[in-house]
């Protein structure tokens, strides 16, 4: 595959047409921050993000046109099983459907709370969604393009990504090293895959065939499997910091939290959501720091304090 697109912070979209040797920017001019990108072929793609933004290109990113999503909520994931049929998910359980290449979008929202993190369809009508939903560790499935849904709860932790290398074989990953596999198109899932420690949050997964795949997670961890049954480290340094106690109160929280750092000054405080999107980055110069969460969507956030030779991590739940 020579033509590939990747995206990052501040609406950055990069494109290669020579298998990654050279990259050029094909950034949209829209003001919204982007969260997900999907191309149906080498030239036609969609980007979704904050403020209900859905952008479409038909010329490989040379130009992007805004589509009317009918919502202002943050959109977090997008998937097109065919040229014209596509699905977009977001916060508050938002689930949008198009059958005409994005010309119009219909709201088929699944739940009323939580954030959809991954959508995968194995056919035009059969699909799966997971995320930071009101039912933790739940995978939702549809057989009719989102008109109705059934659910299975796989774990007590959030799930973050899905991958189906073929219609029968699929994988779901989540917090604390959770990896689940189905061999019957999502009818049932098993969790006996080994090799990822329970302390590692899994963020993204990709399989090139039913057995060969890669999982990436927190603190620079990357794991690979060639048999679909066990993962091993890809040889990169696992940059997991020592988990020292980090006092955050209240937790869960609805509006404000206080983070206590009595023994360190000049540390850098960062808060990220579970997709790695940064919501706060500032230098701490007091023994306690108050953070306003009112502008944060509901969900789980990673809190990190970094100083000279010191890293402290924690999590906070915004209700």
Protein backbone atom coordinates (compact mmCIF):
# COMPACT_ATOMS: atom_id res chain seq x y z
CA UNK A 1 0.00 0.00 0.00
CA UNK A 2 1.75 3.16 -1.19
CA UNK A 3 -0.89 5.79 -0.36
CA UNK A 4 -1.48 6.24 3.36
CA UNK A 5 -2.84 9.01 5.58
CA UNK A 6 -2.15 9.76 9.24
CA UNK A 7 -3.45 12.52 11.48
CA UNK A 8 -2.44 14.19 14.73
CA UNK A 9 -2.95 17.24 16.88
CA UNK A 10 -4.00 20.68 15.62
CA UNK A 11 -5.80 19.37 12.49
CA UNK A 12 -2.58 17.83 11.12
CA UNK A 13 -3.13 15.30 8.31
CA UNK A 14 -0.12 13.85 6.48
CA UNK A 15 -0.12 11.87 3.25
CA UNK A 16 2.39 9.56 1.60
CA UNK A 17 2.16 8.13 -1.90
CA UNK A 18 5.42 6.16 -1.83
CA UNK A 19 4.93 3.85 1.12
CA UNK A 20 6.11 6.33 3.75
CA UNK A 21 9.38 7.54 2.24
CA UNK A 22 8.02 11.07 1.87
CA UNK A 23 5.10 12.81 3.59
CA UNK A 24 3.19 15.99 2.71
CA UNK A 25 0.63 17.92 4.74
CA UNK A 26 -2.98 17.90 3.47
CA UNK A 27 -4.47 19.77 6.42
CA UNK A 28 -8.08 21.01 6.37
CA UNK A 29 -8.57 24.72 6.90
CA UNK A 30 -11.56 24.20 9.22
CA UNK A 31 -11.08 25.50 12.79
CA UNK A 32 -12.25 22.32 14.53
CA UNK A 33 -9.82 19.92 16.19
CA UNK A 34 -9.96 16.47 14.61
CA UNK A 35 -10.27 13.13 16.36
CA UNK A 36 -10.53 10.48 13.62
CA UNK A 37 -9.84 9.90 9.93
CA UNK A 38 -11.06 7.27 7.46
CA UNK A 39 -10.40 6.87 3.73
CA UNK A 40 -12.59 4.66 1.53
CA UNK A 41 -9.95 4.68 -1.23
CA UNK A 42 -6.76 6.54 -2.09
CA UNK A 43 -8.55 9.84 -2.75
CA UNK A 44 -11.86 9.90 -0.83
CA UNK A 45 -11.78 10.35 2.93
CA UNK A 46 -13.57 11.72 5.94
CA UNK A 47 -12.35 13.50 9.09
CA UNK A 48 -14.44 14.11 12.21
CA UNK A 49 -13.86 16.20 15.31
CA UNK A 50 -15.07 18.81 17.74
CA UNK A 51 -18.21 20.84 17.24
CA UNK A 52 -19.86 18.09 15.20
CA UNK A 53 -17.35 18.57 12.39
CA UNK A 54 -17.41 16.16 9.45
CA UNK A 55 -15.08 16.97 6.57
CA UNK A 56 -14.82 15.16 3.24
CA UNK A 57 -12.18 15.12 0.53
CA UNK A 58 -12.45 13.52 -2.91
CA UNK A 59 -9.03 14.56 -4.21
CA UNK A 60 -6.62 13.07 -1.72
CA UNK A 61 -6.78 15.92 0.76
CA UNK A 62 -6.08 18.76 -1.66
CA UNK A 63 -9.38 20.29 -0.56
CA UNK A 64 -11.83 19.47 2.24
CA UNK A 65 -15.53 20.27 2.33
CA UNK A 66 -17.62 20.52 5.50
CA UNK A 67 -20.70 18.32 5.74
CA UNK A 68 -23.75 19.00 7.86
CA UNK A 69 -23.77 16.53 10.75
CA UNK A 70 -26.79 18.04 12.49
CA UNK A 71 -25.01 18.10 15.84
CA UNK A 72 -22.55 20.22 17.80
CA UNK A 73 -21.18 17.43 20.01
CA UNK A 74 -17.62 16.17 19.67
CA UNK A 75 -17.29 13.33 17.16
CA UNK A 76 -14.63 10.74 17.91
CA UNK A 77 -14.69 7.88 15.40
CA UNK A 78 -15.66 7.21 11.76
CA UNK A 79 -15.97 4.07 9.61
CA UNK A 80 -17.17 3.43 6.03
CA UNK A 81 -17.80 -0.22 5.07
CA UNK A 82 -18.59 0.88 1.51
CA UNK A 83 -18.24 3.94 -0.70
CA UNK A 84 -21.56 5.54 0.28
CA UNK A 85 -22.47 3.94 3.62
CA UNK A 86 -20.71 5.33 6.65
CA UNK A 87 -20.98 5.62 10.42
CA UNK A 88 -19.74 8.28 12.86
CA UNK A 89 -19.68 8.11 16.67
CA UNK A 90 -19.12 10.68 19.36
CA UNK A 91 -19.78 11.82 22.92
CA UNK A 92 -23.20 11.39 24.59
CA UNK A 93 -23.53 8.16 22.63
CA UNK A 94 -23.92 10.02 19.35
CA UNK A 95 -24.17 7.68 16.34
CA UNK A 96 -24.70 9.09 12.84
CA UNK A 97 -25.43 7.18 9.64
CA UNK A 98 -25.11 8.14 5.98
CA UNK A 99 -26.06 6.10 2.93
CA UNK A 100 -25.16 8.73 0.32
CA UNK A 101 -21.51 9.46 0.91
CA UNK A 102 -22.12 12.01 3.63
CA UNK A 103 -24.54 14.21 1.74
CA UNK A 104 -26.98 13.69 4.62
CA UNK A 105 -26.53 12.19 8.09
CA UNK A 106 -29.20 10.57 10.28
CA UNK A 107 -28.99 10.37 14.08
CA UNK A 108 -29.27 6.76 15.33
CA UNK A 109 -27.72 7.32 18.74
CA UNK A 110 -27.20 4.17 20.79
CA UNK A 111 -27.03 5.36 24.38
CA UNK A 112 -27.52 8.66 26.18
CA UNK A 113 -24.21 8.77 28.02
CA UNK A 114 -20.59 7.98 27.28
CA UNK A 115 -18.23 8.32 24.34
CA UNK A 116 -17.98 5.99 21.35
CA UNK A 117 -14.31 5.21 20.66
CA UNK A 118 -14.34 2.65 17.85
CA UNK A 119 -16.78 1.59 15.12
CA UNK A 120 -16.20 -1.42 12.85
CA UNK A 121 -18.63 -2.86 10.31
CA UNK A 122 -17.98 -6.27 8.76
CA UNK A 123 -20.68 -5.64 6.14
CA UNK A 124 -22.88 -2.72 5.16
CA UNK A 125 -25.35 -3.55 7.96
CA UNK A 126 -23.49 -5.64 10.56
CA UNK A 127 -21.32 -3.65 12.92
CA UNK A 128 -19.89 -3.18 16.40
CA UNK A 129 -19.16 -0.18 18.63
CA UNK A 130 -17.27 0.20 21.92
CA UNK A 131 -16.09 3.06 24.09
CA UNK A 132 -16.39 4.82 27.42
CA UNK A 133 -20.07 4.07 27.70
CA UNK A 134 -22.53 4.07 30.60
CA UNK A 135 -22.15 0.29 30.69
CA UNK A 136 -18.42 -0.32 31.24
CA UNK A 137 -16.75 -2.98 29.11
CA UNK A 138 -19.78 -3.38 26.85
CA UNK A 139 -19.68 -4.08 23.12
CA UNK A 140 -22.78 -3.15 21.11
CA UNK A 141 -23.65 -4.93 17.86
CA UNK A 142 -26.19 -4.31 15.11
CA UNK A 143 -27.42 -6.40 12.19
CA UNK A 144 -29.45 -3.67 10.50
CA UNK A 145 -27.17 -0.67 10.14
CA UNK A 146 -27.86 0.75 13.58
CA UNK A 147 -31.67 0.58 13.64
CA UNK A 148 -31.45 -1.71 16.67
CA UNK A 149 -28.65 -2.92 18.94
CA UNK A 150 -27.79 -5.79 21.24
CA UNK A 151 -25.04 -5.73 23.85
CA UNK A 152 -22.52 -7.95 25.64
CA UNK A 153 -20.49 -6.97 28.69
CA UNK A 154 -16.97 -8.36 28.40
CA UNK A 155 -15.15 -6.66 31.29
CA UNK A 156 -15.48 -4.15 34.11
CA UNK A 157 -13.05 -1.80 32.29
CA UNK A 158 -13.62 0.50 29.35
CA UNK A 159 -12.95 -0.81 25.82
CA UNK A 160 -11.09 1.45 23.38
CA UNK A 161 -10.55 -0.16 19.99
CA UNK A 162 -11.85 -2.87 17.66
CA UNK A 163 -10.40 -4.69 14.66
CA UNK A 164 -11.95 -7.33 12.41
CA UNK A 165 -9.38 -8.69 9.91
CA UNK A 166 -12.22 -10.78 8.44
CA UNK A 167 -15.98 -11.02 9.11
CA UNK A 168 -15.60 -13.91 11.59
CA UNK A 169 -12.39 -12.99 13.43
CA UNK A 170 -12.31 -9.88 15.57
CA UNK A 171 -10.40 -8.35 18.48
CA UNK A 172 -11.39 -5.81 21.17
CA UNK A 173 -8.96 -4.12 23.55
CA UNK A 174 -9.21 -1.89 26.58
CA UNK A 175 -7.95 -0.83 29.95
CA UNK A 176 -5.62 -2.90 32.12
CA UNK A 177 -4.42 -5.17 29.32
CA UNK A 178 -7.84 -6.43 28.28
CA UNK A 179 -7.75 -8.27 24.94
CA UNK A 180 -10.79 -10.17 23.68
CA UNK A 181 -11.18 -12.31 20.55
CA UNK A 182 -14.15 -13.64 18.60
CA UNK A 183 -14.04 -16.44 16.03
CA UNK A 184 -17.75 -16.41 15.20
CA UNK A 185 -18.45 -12.87 14.06
CA UNK A 186 -19.02 -11.44 17.51
CA UNK A 187 -21.51 -14.01 18.79
CA UNK A 188 -19.12 -14.82 21.65
CA UNK A 189 -15.78 -13.45 22.86
CA UNK A 190 -12.89 -15.07 24.77
CA UNK A 191 -10.21 -13.42 26.89
CA UNK A 192 -7.49 -16.09 27.12
CA UNK A 193 -4.98 -14.17 25.00
CA UNK A 194 -1.71 -13.85 26.90
CA UNK A 195 1.31 -11.57 26.91
CA UNK A 196 -0.01 -8.10 27.84
CA UNK A 197 0.40 -7.18 31.50
CA UNK A 198 -2.66 -6.17 33.46
CA UNK A 199 -1.14 -2.76 34.25
CA UNK A 200 -0.97 -1.66 30.61
CA UNK A 201 -3.85 0.20 29.04
CA UNK A 202 -4.36 -0.88 25.43
CA UNK A 203 -5.29 2.01 23.11
CA UNK A 204 -5.15 0.81 19.49
CA UNK A 205 -5.08 -2.47 17.59
CA UNK A 206 -4.53 -3.47 13.96
CA UNK A 207 -4.37 -6.90 12.28
CA UNK A 208 -3.15 -7.59 8.76
CA UNK A 209 -4.73 -11.05 8.81
CA UNK A 210 -6.54 -13.26 11.32
CA UNK A 211 -3.37 -14.01 13.30
CA UNK A 212 -0.87 -11.19 12.71
CA UNK A 213 -1.40 -7.95 14.56
CA UNK A 214 -0.06 -5.17 16.75
CA UNK A 215 -1.40 -3.57 19.91
CA UNK A 216 -0.11 -0.22 21.17
CA UNK A 217 -0.76 1.12 24.63
CA UNK A 218 0.20 3.41 27.44
CA UNK A 219 3.79 4.45 28.16
CA UNK A 220 5.18 3.50 24.75
CA UNK A 221 4.28 -0.19 24.93
CA UNK A 222 3.92 -2.07 21.63
CA UNK A 223 3.03 -5.76 21.37
CA UNK A 224 2.91 -8.11 18.41
CA UNK A 225 1.31 -11.46 17.72
CA UNK A 226 1.73 -13.87 14.81
CA UNK A 227 -0.68 -16.53 16.05
CA UNK A 228 -3.62 -14.51 17.37
CA UNK A 229 -3.21 -16.16 20.77
CA UNK A 230 -0.28 -14.52 22.51
CA UNK A 231 1.47 -11.15 22.35
CA UNK A 232 5.13 -10.37 22.88
CA UNK A 233 6.99 -7.07 23.17
CA UNK A 234 8.15 -5.64 19.86
CA UNK A 235 11.53 -4.78 21.36
CA UNK A 236 10.80 -1.14 22.14
CA UNK A 237 11.57 0.13 25.59
CA UNK A 238 8.56 -0.04 27.86
CA UNK A 239 8.50 3.47 29.25
CA UNK A 240 6.09 2.79 32.06
CA UNK A 241 6.85 5.09 35.00
CA UNK A 242 6.84 4.01 38.59
CA UNK A 243 3.27 4.44 39.79
CA UNK A 244 3.51 6.64 42.84
CA UNK A 245 0.46 7.83 44.72
CA UNK A 246 -1.22 10.85 43.16
CA UNK A 247 -3.91 12.50 45.26
CA UNK A 248 -6.86 13.80 43.23
CA UNK A 249 -10.05 14.91 44.98
CA UNK A 250 -12.89 14.56 44.47
CA UNK A 251 -12.74 11.53 42.18
CA UNK A 252 -15.10 10.96 40.41
CA UNK A 253 -15.90 14.64 39.88
CA UNK A 254 -18.54 16.74 38.15
CA UNK A 255 -16.96 20.19 37.96
CA UNK A 256 -13.62 20.79 39.74
CA UNK A 257 -10.75 18.66 41.06
CA UNK A 258 -7.72 19.44 43.19
CA UNK A 259 -4.38 17.74 42.49
CA UNK A 260 -1.92 17.70 45.38
CA UNK A 261 1.87 17.87 44.82
CA UNK A 262 3.31 18.97 48.18
CA UNK A 263 6.83 17.66 47.60
CA UNK A 264 7.51 19.00 44.10
CA UNK A 265 7.42 22.40 42.40
CA UNK A 266 7.83 23.23 38.75
CA UNK A 267 6.32 19.95 37.58
CA UNK A 268 4.38 19.79 34.31
CA UNK A 269 0.76 18.76 34.65
CA UNK A 270 -0.96 17.14 31.67
CA UNK A 271 -4.46 15.70 31.42
CA UNK A 272 -5.41 13.51 28.47
CA UNK A 273 -8.47 11.52 27.53
CA UNK A 274 -8.20 7.82 26.80
CA UNK A 275 -7.57 8.43 23.10
CA UNK A 276 -4.49 10.49 23.99
CA UNK A 277 -6.04 13.88 23.21
CA UNK A 278 -4.56 16.57 25.46
CA UNK A 279 -6.96 18.75 27.47
CA UNK A 280 -4.50 20.48 29.80
CA UNK A 281 -0.77 21.22 29.87
CA UNK A 282 0.62 23.62 32.47
CA UNK A 283 3.45 24.08 34.95
CA UNK A 284 2.57 23.46 38.60
CA UNK A 285 4.05 25.99 41.02
CA UNK A 286 2.01 25.34 44.17
CA UNK A 287 1.36 22.49 46.56
CA UNK A 288 -2.10 22.02 45.09
CA UNK A 289 -3.65 22.82 41.74
CA UNK A 290 -7.35 23.28 41.06
CA UNK A 291 -8.60 22.18 37.63
CA UNK A 292 -11.96 23.17 36.16
CA UNK A 293 -13.52 20.14 34.43
CA UNK A 294 -16.68 21.85 33.22
CA UNK A 295 -15.41 21.98 29.63
CA UNK A 296 -14.31 18.33 29.71
CA UNK A 297 -16.65 15.72 28.17
CA UNK A 298 -17.74 12.92 30.48
CA UNK A 299 -15.25 10.07 30.63
CA UNK A 300 -11.98 8.82 32.11
CA UNK A 301 -8.86 11.00 31.96
CA UNK A 302 -5.20 10.27 32.54
CA UNK A 303 -3.39 12.73 34.83
CA UNK A 304 0.40 12.97 34.68
CA UNK A 305 2.89 15.06 36.65
CA UNK A 306 6.40 15.17 35.18
CA UNK A 307 9.46 16.61 36.90
CA UNK A 308 13.19 16.05 37.01
CA UNK A 309 13.53 12.28 37.33
CA UNK A 310 9.94 11.99 38.55
CA UNK A 311 6.74 10.90 36.87
CA UNK A 312 3.47 10.46 38.72
CA UNK A 313 0.33 9.20 37.06
CA UNK A 314 -3.30 8.88 38.01
CA UNK A 315 -6.81 8.82 36.60
CA UNK A 316 -9.89 10.90 37.18
CA UNK A 317 -13.47 10.21 36.14
CA UNK A 318 -15.59 13.15 34.92
CA UNK A 319 -19.28 12.47 35.55
